[in-house]
Amino acid sequence: MISVQFHENVVSLCDSELIGKTFEEGKHFLVVSEIFYRGEEMNKKKVIEVLKNAISINLVGKKTIAIALEEGFIQKKDIIHIQGVPHVQIYAF
């Protein structure tokens, strides 16, 4: 499942099993904190609807990134990896 948390200006989506973990690679850190990422558990169909309606998005994890790639929300060049964990941020102004 994918955990989806709605914030005032950002929607955070991540693979549920990554919540509470920290990843470090060189000067890059990725903190998948409970407070920012723990939200409603959603299946792929619901996640796609969230992505369609979101303006600013924070994505973490292989399953989450795979959905965003398959549906055309991101491209492979948008993805960074920190300790093997894929991460993308999309911000609209």
PDB file of N, CA and C in Angstrom:
ATOM      1  N   MET A   1       0.842  -1.193   0.000  1.00  0.00           N
ATOM      2  CA  MET A   1       0.000   0.000   0.000  1.00  0.00           C
ATOM      3  C   MET A   1       0.879   1.246   0.000  1.00  0.00           C
ATOM      4  N   ILE A   2       0.257   2.339  -0.367  1.00  0.00           N
ATOM      5  CA  ILE A   2       0.918   3.635  -0.398  1.00  0.00           C
ATOM      6  C   ILE A   2       0.267   4.496   0.677  1.00  0.00           C
ATOM      7  N   SER A   3       1.073   5.141   1.504  1.00  0.00           N
ATOM      8  CA  SER A   3       0.560   6.057   2.510  1.00  0.00           C
ATOM      9  C   SER A   3       0.487   7.446   1.892  1.00  0.00           C
ATOM     10  N   VAL A   4      -0.668   8.106   2.037  1.00  0.00           N
ATOM     11  CA  VAL A   4      -0.880   9.426   1.444  1.00  0.00           C
ATOM     12  C   VAL A   4      -1.244  10.401   2.553  1.00  0.00           C
ATOM     13  N   GLN A   5      -0.472  11.472   2.679  1.00  0.00           N
ATOM     14  CA  GLN A   5      -0.689  12.496   3.695  1.00  0.00           C
ATOM     15  C   GLN A   5      -0.916  13.827   2.989  1.00  0.00           C
ATOM     16  N   PHE A   6      -2.006  14.499   3.338  1.00  0.00           N
ATOM     17  CA  PHE A   6      -2.320  15.794   2.749  1.00  0.00           C
ATOM     18  C   PHE A   6      -1.871  16.901   3.692  1.00  0.00           C
ATOM     19  N   HIS A   7      -1.044  17.800   3.178  1.00  0.00           N
ATOM     20  CA  HIS A   7      -0.606  18.976   3.917  1.00  0.00           C
ATOM     21  C   HIS A   7      -1.257  20.185   3.260  1.00  0.00           C
ATOM     22  N   GLU A   8      -1.059  21.354   3.806  1.00  0.00           N
ATOM     23  CA  GLU A   8      -1.704  22.543   3.252  1.00  0.00           C
ATOM     24  C   GLU A   8      -1.362  22.750   1.780  1.00  0.00           C
ATOM     25  N   ASN A   9      -0.088  22.630   1.419  1.00  0.00           N
ATOM     26  CA  ASN A   9       0.329  22.906   0.049  1.00  0.00           C
ATOM     27  C   ASN A   9       0.985  21.731  -0.659  1.00  0.00           C
ATOM     28  N   VAL A  10       1.192  20.626   0.030  1.00  0.00           N
ATOM     29  CA  VAL A  10       1.928  19.492  -0.526  1.00  0.00           C
ATOM     30  C   VAL A  10       1.203  18.189  -0.179  1.00  0.00           C
ATOM     31  N   VAL A  11       1.226  17.254  -1.120  1.00  0.00           N
ATOM     32  CA  VAL A  11       0.750  15.902  -0.837  1.00  0.00           C
ATOM     33  C   VAL A  11       1.979  15.003  -0.799  1.00  0.00           C
ATOM     34  N   SER A  12       2.134  14.237   0.258  1.00  0.00           N
ATOM     35  CA  SER A  12       3.272  13.316   0.353  1.00  0.00           C
ATOM     36  C   SER A  12       2.767  11.888   0.188  1.00  0.00           C
ATOM     37  N   LEU A  13       3.455  11.150  -0.681  1.00  0.00           N
ATOM     38  CA  LEU A  13       3.115   9.755  -0.944  1.00  0.00           C
ATOM     39  C   LEU A  13       4.374   8.921  -0.798  1.00  0.00           C
ATOM     40  N   CYS A  14       4.271   7.801  -0.108  1.00  0.00           N
ATOM     41  CA  CYS A  14       5.444   6.936   0.024  1.00  0.00           C
ATOM     42  C   CYS A  14       5.018   5.497   0.255  1.00  0.00           C
ATOM     43  N   ASP A  15       5.929   4.593  -0.063  1.00  0.00           N
ATOM     44  CA  ASP A  15       5.712   3.185   0.242  1.00  0.00           C
ATOM     45  C   ASP A  15       5.600   3.064   1.762  1.00  0.00           C
ATOM     46  N   SER A  16       4.533   2.492   2.229  1.00  0.00           N
ATOM     47  CA  SER A  16       4.234   2.459   3.665  1.00  0.00           C
ATOM     48  C   SER A  16       5.353   1.879   4.516  1.00  0.00           C
ATOM     49  N   GLU A  17       6.052   0.887   3.997  1.00  0.00           N
ATOM     50  CA  GLU A  17       7.103   0.235   4.792  1.00  0.00           C
ATOM     51  C   GLU A  17       8.327   1.119   5.009  1.00  0.00           C
ATOM     52  N   LEU A  18       8.417   2.256   4.336  1.00  0.00           N
ATOM     53  CA  LEU A  18       9.565   3.156   4.498  1.00  0.00           C
ATOM     54  C   LEU A  18       9.356   4.190   5.604  1.00  0.00           C
ATOM     55  N   ILE A  19       8.131   4.325   6.082  1.00  0.00           N
ATOM     56  CA  ILE A  19       7.837   5.346   7.087  1.00  0.00           C
ATOM     57  C   ILE A  19       8.627   5.076   8.361  1.00  0.00           C
ATOM     58  N   GLY A  20       9.252   6.136   8.866  1.00  0.00           N
ATOM     59  CA  GLY A  20      10.050   6.044  10.080  1.00  0.00           C
ATOM     60  C   GLY A  20      11.523   5.776   9.829  1.00  0.00           C
ATOM     61  N   LYS A  21      11.901   5.616   8.574  1.00  0.00           N
ATOM     62  CA  LYS A  21      13.295   5.317   8.246  1.00  0.00           C
ATOM     63  C   LYS A  21      14.019   6.557   7.731  1.00  0.00           C
ATOM     64  N   THR A  22      15.339   6.541   7.871  1.00  0.00           N
ATOM     65  CA  THR A  22      16.203   7.609   7.370  1.00  0.00           C
ATOM     66  C   THR A  22      17.243   6.994   6.452  1.00  0.00           C
ATOM     67  N   PHE A  23      17.479   7.660   5.331  1.00  0.00           N
ATOM     68  CA  PHE A  23      18.445   7.189   4.346  1.00  0.00           C
ATOM     69  C   PHE A  23      19.483   8.280   4.121  1.00  0.00           C
ATOM     70  N   GLU A  24      20.730   7.865   3.986  1.00  0.00           N
ATOM     71  CA  GLU A  24      21.828   8.823   3.837  1.00  0.00           C
ATOM     72  C   GLU A  24      22.783   8.310   2.766  1.00  0.00           C
ATOM     73  N   GLU A  25      23.173   9.223   1.886  1.00  0.00           N
ATOM     74  CA  GLU A  25      24.149   8.885   0.858  1.00  0.00           C
ATOM     75  C   GLU A  25      24.933  10.151   0.536  1.00  0.00           C
ATOM     76  N   GLY A  26      26.195  10.146   0.913  1.00  0.00           N
ATOM     77  CA  GLY A  26      27.006  11.347   0.709  1.00  0.00           C
ATOM     78  C   GLY A  26      26.432  12.499   1.505  1.00  0.00           C
ATOM     79  N   LYS A  27      26.178  13.611   0.830  1.00  0.00           N
ATOM     80  CA  LYS A  27      25.627  14.789   1.512  1.00  0.00           C
ATOM     81  C   LYS A  27      24.096  14.828   1.479  1.00  0.00           C
ATOM     82  N   HIS A  28      23.470  13.774   0.955  1.00  0.00           N
ATOM     83  CA  HIS A  28      22.019  13.735   0.836  1.00  0.00           C
ATOM     84  C   HIS A  28      21.394  12.901   1.950  1.00  0.00           C
ATOM     85  N   PHE A  29      20.323  13.434   2.528  1.00  0.00           N
ATOM     86  CA  PHE A  29      19.554  12.751   3.563  1.00  0.00           C
ATOM     87  C   PHE A  29      18.100  12.686   3.125  1.00  0.00           C
ATOM     88  N   LEU A  30      17.452  11.595   3.424  1.00  0.00           N
ATOM     89  CA  LEU A  30      16.023  11.454   3.182  1.00  0.00           C
ATOM     90  C   LEU A  30      15.410  10.898   4.461  1.00  0.00           C
ATOM     91  N   VAL A  31      14.648  11.738   5.145  1.00  0.00           N
ATOM     92  CA  VAL A  31      13.998  11.349   6.393  1.00  0.00           C
ATOM     93  C   VAL A  31      12.515  11.121   6.087  1.00  0.00           C
ATOM     94  N   VAL A  32      12.085   9.893   6.178  1.00  0.00           N
ATOM     95  CA  VAL A  32      10.696   9.541   5.887  1.00  0.00           C
ATOM     96  C   VAL A  32       9.951   9.534   7.223  1.00  0.00           C
ATOM     97  N   SER A  33       9.676  10.721   7.712  1.00  0.00           N
ATOM     98  CA  SER A  33       9.128  10.880   9.061  1.00  0.00           C
ATOM     99  C   SER A  33       7.646  10.519   9.134  1.00  0.00           C
ATOM    100  N   GLU A  34       7.258  10.031  10.305  1.00  0.00           N
ATOM    101  CA  GLU A  34       5.858   9.688  10.574  1.00  0.00           C
ATOM    102  C   GLU A  34       4.951  10.896  10.363  1.00  0.00           C
ATOM    103  N   ILE A  35       5.359  12.039  10.893  1.00  0.00           N
ATOM    104  CA  ILE A  35       4.501  13.218  10.876  1.00  0.00           C
ATOM    105  C   ILE A  35       4.244  13.738   9.460  1.00  0.00           C
ATOM    106  N   PHE A  36       5.212  13.575   8.565  1.00  0.00           N
ATOM    107  CA  PHE A  36       5.050  14.092   7.206  1.00  0.00           C
ATOM    108  C   PHE A  36       4.440  13.060   6.259  1.00  0.00           C
ATOM    109  N   TYR A  37       4.768  11.792   6.447  1.00  0.00           N
ATOM    110  CA  TYR A  37       4.364  10.771   5.484  1.00  0.00           C
ATOM    111  C   TYR A  37       3.226   9.860   5.919  1.00  0.00           C
ATOM    112  N   ARG A  38       3.012   9.677   7.234  1.00  0.00           N
ATOM    113  CA  ARG A  38       1.956   8.755   7.678  1.00  0.00           C
ATOM    114  C   ARG A  38       0.601   9.376   7.366  1.00  0.00           C
ATOM    115  N   GLY A  39      -0.185   8.677   6.595  1.00  0.00           N
ATOM    116  CA  GLY A  39      -1.503   9.180   6.217  1.00  0.00           C
ATOM    117  C   GLY A  39      -2.420   8.020   5.896  1.00  0.00           C
ATOM    118  N   GLU A  40      -3.361   8.266   5.040  1.00  0.00           N
ATOM    119  CA  GLU A  40      -4.324   7.244   4.643  1.00  0.00           C
ATOM    120  C   GLU A  40      -3.673   6.233   3.701  1.00  0.00           C
ATOM    121  N   GLU A  41      -3.902   4.961   3.953  1.00  0.00           N
ATOM    122  CA  GLU A  41      -3.407   3.906   3.065  1.00  0.00           C
ATOM    123  C   GLU A  41      -4.321   3.852   1.843  1.00  0.00           C
ATOM    124  N   MET A  42      -3.714   3.903   0.655  1.00  0.00           N
ATOM    125  CA  MET A  42      -4.501   3.907  -0.578  1.00  0.00           C
ATOM    126  C   MET A  42      -3.978   2.887  -1.573  1.00  0.00           C
ATOM    127  N   ASN A  43      -4.890   2.364  -2.385  1.00  0.00           N
ATOM    128  CA  ASN A  43      -4.503   1.467  -3.464  1.00  0.00           C
ATOM    129  C   ASN A  43      -4.108   2.296  -4.693  1.00  0.00           C
ATOM    130  N   LYS A  44      -3.661   1.626  -5.727  1.00  0.00           N
ATOM    131  CA  LYS A  44      -3.156   2.302  -6.926  1.00  0.00           C
ATOM    132  C   LYS A  44      -4.194   3.240  -7.545  1.00  0.00           C
ATOM    133  N   LYS A  45      -5.421   2.806  -7.646  1.00  0.00           N
ATOM    134  CA  LYS A  45      -6.472   3.623  -8.265  1.00  0.00           C
ATOM    135  C   LYS A  45      -6.658   4.951  -7.529  1.00  0.00           C
ATOM    136  N   LYS A  46      -6.710   4.890  -6.207  1.00  0.00           N
ATOM    137  CA  LYS A  46      -6.877   6.108  -5.414  1.00  0.00           C
ATOM    138  C   LYS A  46      -5.642   6.999  -5.498  1.00  0.00           C
ATOM    139  N   VAL A  47      -4.458   6.381  -5.509  1.00  0.00           N
ATOM    140  CA  VAL A  47      -3.209   7.144  -5.621  1.00  0.00           C
ATOM    141  C   VAL A  47      -3.192   7.927  -6.930  1.00  0.00           C
ATOM    142  N   ILE A  48      -3.627   7.312  -8.011  1.00  0.00           N
ATOM    143  CA  ILE A  48      -3.659   7.994  -9.309  1.00  0.00           C
ATOM    144  C   ILE A  48      -4.582   9.207  -9.249  1.00  0.00           C
ATOM    145  N   GLU A  49      -5.725   9.082  -8.596  1.00  0.00           N
ATOM    146  CA  GLU A  49      -6.639  10.219  -8.454  1.00  0.00           C
ATOM    147  C   GLU A  49      -5.997  11.353  -7.660  1.00  0.00           C
ATOM    148  N   VAL A  50      -5.284  10.997  -6.598  1.00  0.00           N
ATOM    149  CA  VAL A  50      -4.585  12.015  -5.806  1.00  0.00           C
ATOM    150  C   VAL A  50      -3.552  12.730  -6.672  1.00  0.00           C
ATOM    151  N   LEU A  51      -2.772  11.970  -7.426  1.00  0.00           N
ATOM    152  CA  LEU A  51      -1.741  12.566  -8.280  1.00  0.00           C
ATOM    153  C   LEU A  51      -2.353  13.501  -9.320  1.00  0.00           C
ATOM    154  N   LYS A  52      -3.499  13.141  -9.863  1.00  0.00           N
ATOM    155  CA  LYS A  52      -4.163  13.970 -10.875  1.00  0.00           C
ATOM    156  C   LYS A  52      -4.589  15.319 -10.315  1.00  0.00           C
ATOM    157  N   ASN A  53      -4.908  15.358  -9.035  1.00  0.00           N
ATOM    158  CA  ASN A  53      -5.447  16.575  -8.430  1.00  0.00           C
ATOM    159  C   ASN A  53      -4.445  17.367  -7.606  1.00  0.00           C
ATOM    160  N   ALA A  54      -3.248  16.844  -7.433  1.00  0.00           N
ATOM    161  CA  ALA A  54      -2.248  17.515  -6.594  1.00  0.00           C
ATOM    162  C   ALA A  54      -1.466  18.548  -7.399  1.00  0.00           C
ATOM    163  N   ILE A  55      -0.990  19.552  -6.705  1.00  0.00           N
ATOM    164  CA  ILE A  55      -0.162  20.584  -7.331  1.00  0.00           C
ATOM    165  C   ILE A  55       1.297  20.367  -6.963  1.00  0.00           C
ATOM    166  N   SER A  56       1.572  20.234  -5.691  1.00  0.00           N
ATOM    167  CA  SER A  56       2.931  19.967  -5.221  1.00  0.00           C
ATOM    168  C   SER A  56       2.940  18.590  -4.570  1.00  0.00           C
ATOM    169  N   ILE A  57       3.930  17.765  -4.973  1.00  0.00           N
ATOM    170  CA  ILE A  57       3.932  16.361  -4.574  1.00  0.00           C
ATOM    171  C   ILE A  57       5.323  15.936  -4.135  1.00  0.00           C
ATOM    172  N   ASN A  58       5.387  15.118  -3.090  1.00  0.00           N
ATOM    173  CA  ASN A  58       6.630  14.530  -2.616  1.00  0.00           C
ATOM    174  C   ASN A  58       6.448  13.016  -2.681  1.00  0.00           C
ATOM    175  N   LEU A  59       7.284  12.330  -3.470  1.00  0.00           N
ATOM    176  CA  LEU A  59       7.146  10.890  -3.703  1.00  0.00           C
ATOM    177  C   LEU A  59       8.374  10.143  -3.205  1.00  0.00           C
ATOM    178  N   VAL A  60       8.161   9.035  -2.492  1.00  0.00           N
ATOM    179  CA  VAL A  60       9.276   8.223  -1.999  1.00  0.00           C
ATOM    180  C   VAL A  60       8.925   6.744  -2.127  1.00  0.00           C
ATOM    181  N   GLY A  61       9.863   5.965  -2.655  1.00  0.00           N
ATOM    182  CA  GLY A  61       9.718   4.511  -2.681  1.00  0.00           C
ATOM    183  C   GLY A  61       9.463   3.940  -4.063  1.00  0.00           C
ATOM    184  N   LYS A  62       9.863   2.700  -4.242  1.00  0.00           N
ATOM    185  CA  LYS A  62       9.779   2.041  -5.552  1.00  0.00           C
ATOM    186  C   LYS A  62       8.347   1.902  -6.056  1.00  0.00           C
ATOM    187  N   LYS A  63       7.424   1.507  -5.194  1.00  0.00           N
ATOM    188  CA  LYS A  63       6.032   1.327  -5.630  1.00  0.00           C
ATOM    189  C   LYS A  63       5.389   2.666  -5.982  1.00  0.00           C
ATOM    190  N   THR A  64       5.620   3.656  -5.147  1.00  0.00           N
ATOM    191  CA  THR A  64       5.061   4.984  -5.373  1.00  0.00           C
ATOM    192  C   THR A  64       5.598   5.583  -6.664  1.00  0.00           C
ATOM    193  N   ILE A  65       6.894   5.522  -6.842  1.00  0.00           N
ATOM    194  CA  ILE A  65       7.538   6.071  -8.040  1.00  0.00           C
ATOM    195  C   ILE A  65       7.068   5.317  -9.282  1.00  0.00           C
ATOM    196  N   ALA A  66       6.901   3.994  -9.179  1.00  0.00           N
ATOM    197  CA  ALA A  66       6.448   3.201 -10.328  1.00  0.00           C
ATOM    198  C   ALA A  66       5.076   3.666 -10.817  1.00  0.00           C
ATOM    199  N   ILE A  67       4.173   3.950  -9.900  1.00  0.00           N
ATOM    200  CA  ILE A  67       2.846   4.437 -10.284  1.00  0.00           C
ATOM    201  C   ILE A  67       2.966   5.784 -10.987  1.00  0.00           C
ATOM    202  N   ALA A  68       3.739   6.695 -10.415  1.00  0.00           N
ATOM    203  CA  ALA A  68       3.909   8.024 -11.010  1.00  0.00           C
ATOM    204  C   ALA A  68       4.539   7.932 -12.402  1.00  0.00           C
ATOM    205  N   LEU A  69       5.487   7.028 -12.587  1.00  0.00           N
ATOM    206  CA  LEU A  69       6.113   6.815 -13.903  1.00  0.00           C
ATOM    207  C   LEU A  69       5.115   6.235 -14.904  1.00  0.00           C
ATOM    208  N   GLU A  70       4.432   5.178 -14.513  1.00  0.00           N
ATOM    209  CA  GLU A  70       3.470   4.510 -15.397  1.00  0.00           C
ATOM    210  C   GLU A  70       2.383   5.460 -15.884  1.00  0.00           C
ATOM    211  N   GLU A  71       1.969   6.361 -15.020  1.00  0.00           N
ATOM    212  CA  GLU A  71       0.873   7.272 -15.346  1.00  0.00           C
ATOM    213  C   GLU A  71       1.350   8.582 -15.976  1.00  0.00           C
ATOM    214  N   GLY A  72       2.659   8.735 -16.145  1.00  0.00           N
ATOM    215  CA  GLY A  72       3.199   9.897 -16.844  1.00  0.00           C
ATOM    216  C   GLY A  72       3.330  11.172 -16.024  1.00  0.00           C
ATOM    217  N   PHE A  73       3.279  11.061 -14.703  1.00  0.00           N
ATOM    218  CA  PHE A  73       3.430  12.246 -13.859  1.00  0.00           C
ATOM    219  C   PHE A  73       4.889  12.672 -13.744  1.00  0.00           C
ATOM    220  N   ILE A  74       5.801  11.715 -13.880  1.00  0.00           N
ATOM    221  CA  ILE A  74       7.236  11.990 -13.804  1.00  0.00           C
ATOM    222  C   ILE A  74       7.950  11.219 -14.907  1.00  0.00           C
ATOM    223  N   GLN A  75       9.224  11.569 -15.108  1.00  0.00           N
ATOM    224  CA  GLN A  75      10.089  10.851 -16.033  1.00  0.00           C
ATOM    225  C   GLN A  75      11.264  10.295 -15.240  1.00  0.00           C
ATOM    226  N   LYS A  76      11.946   9.312 -15.796  1.00  0.00           N
ATOM    227  CA  LYS A  76      13.081   8.704 -15.100  1.00  0.00           C
ATOM    228  C   LYS A  76      14.134   9.732 -14.720  1.00  0.00           C
ATOM    229  N   LYS A  77      14.314  10.747 -15.550  1.00  0.00           N
ATOM    230  CA  LYS A  77      15.334  11.760 -15.277  1.00  0.00           C
ATOM    231  C   LYS A  77      15.000  12.601 -14.040  1.00  0.00           C
ATOM    232  N   ASP A  78      13.762  12.568 -13.599  1.00  0.00           N
ATOM    233  CA  ASP A  78      13.334  13.331 -12.421  1.00  0.00           C
ATOM    234  C   ASP A  78      13.719  12.659 -11.107  1.00  0.00           C
ATOM    235  N   ILE A  79      14.061  11.387 -11.161  1.00  0.00           N
ATOM    236  CA  ILE A  79      14.253  10.577  -9.957  1.00  0.00           C
ATOM    237  C   ILE A  79      15.683  10.673  -9.437  1.00  0.00           C
ATOM    238  N   ILE A  80      15.802  10.908  -8.126  1.00  0.00           N
ATOM    239  CA  ILE A  80      17.096  10.756  -7.467  1.00  0.00           C
ATOM    240  C   ILE A  80      16.995   9.519  -6.575  1.00  0.00           C
ATOM    241  N   HIS A  81      18.128   8.931  -6.280  1.00  0.00           N
ATOM    242  CA  HIS A  81      18.171   7.761  -5.396  1.00  0.00           C
ATOM    243  C   HIS A  81      19.076   8.071  -4.210  1.00  0.00           C
ATOM    244  N   ILE A  82      18.586   7.803  -3.032  1.00  0.00           N
ATOM    245  CA  ILE A  82      19.368   7.962  -1.819  1.00  0.00           C
ATOM    246  C   ILE A  82      19.378   6.604  -1.135  1.00  0.00           C
ATOM    247  N   GLN A  83      20.542   6.014  -1.083  1.00  0.00           N
ATOM    248  CA  GLN A  83      20.710   4.663  -0.543  1.00  0.00           C
ATOM    249  C   GLN A  83      19.776   3.678  -1.249  1.00  0.00           C
ATOM    250  N   GLY A  84      19.613   3.871  -2.546  1.00  0.00           N
ATOM    251  CA  GLY A  84      18.783   2.983  -3.354  1.00  0.00           C
ATOM    252  C   GLY A  84      17.297   3.280  -3.323  1.00  0.00           C
ATOM    253  N   VAL A  85      16.875   4.254  -2.526  1.00  0.00           N
ATOM    254  CA  VAL A  85      15.458   4.597  -2.413  1.00  0.00           C
ATOM    255  C   VAL A  85      15.148   5.744  -3.379  1.00  0.00           C
ATOM    256  N   PRO A  86      14.215   5.541  -4.320  1.00  0.00           N
ATOM    257  CA  PRO A  86      13.878   6.608  -5.263  1.00  0.00           C
ATOM    258  C   PRO A  86      13.034   7.698  -4.613  1.00  0.00           C
ATOM    259  N   HIS A  87      13.282   8.937  -5.065  1.00  0.00           N
ATOM    260  CA  HIS A  87      12.611  10.105  -4.490  1.00  0.00           C
ATOM    261  C   HIS A  87      12.421  11.159  -5.574  1.00  0.00           C
ATOM    262  N   VAL A  88      11.243  11.771  -5.599  1.00  0.00           N
ATOM    263  CA  VAL A  88      10.953  12.860  -6.539  1.00  0.00           C
ATOM    264  C   VAL A  88      10.134  13.913  -5.811  1.00  0.00           C
ATOM    265  N   GLN A  89      10.444  15.172  -6.097  1.00  0.00           N
ATOM    266  CA  GLN A  89       9.635  16.286  -5.615  1.00  0.00           C
ATOM    267  C   GLN A  89       9.127  17.048  -6.823  1.00  0.00           C
ATOM    268  N   ILE A  90       7.832  17.344  -6.830  1.00  0.00           N
ATOM    269  CA  ILE A  90       7.209  18.118  -7.896  1.00  0.00           C
ATOM    270  C   ILE A  90       6.569  19.334  -7.237  1.00  0.00           C
ATOM    271  N   TYR A  91       6.985  20.503  -7.669  1.00  0.00           N
ATOM    272  CA  TYR A  91       6.417  21.727  -7.107  1.00  0.00           C
ATOM    273  C   TYR A  91       5.905  22.620  -8.215  1.00  0.00           C
ATOM    274  N   ALA A  92       4.676  23.073  -8.072  1.00  0.00           N
ATOM    275  CA  ALA A  92       4.087  24.020  -9.010  1.00  0.00           C
ATOM    276  C   ALA A  92       3.901  25.342  -8.275  1.00  0.00           C
ATOM    277  N   PHE A  93       4.167  26.393  -8.977  1.00  0.00           N
ATOM    278  CA  PHE A  93       4.042  27.724  -8.363  1.00  0.00           C
ATOM    279  C   PHE A  93       2.978  28.524  -9.061  1.00  0.00           C
TER     280      PHE A  93
END
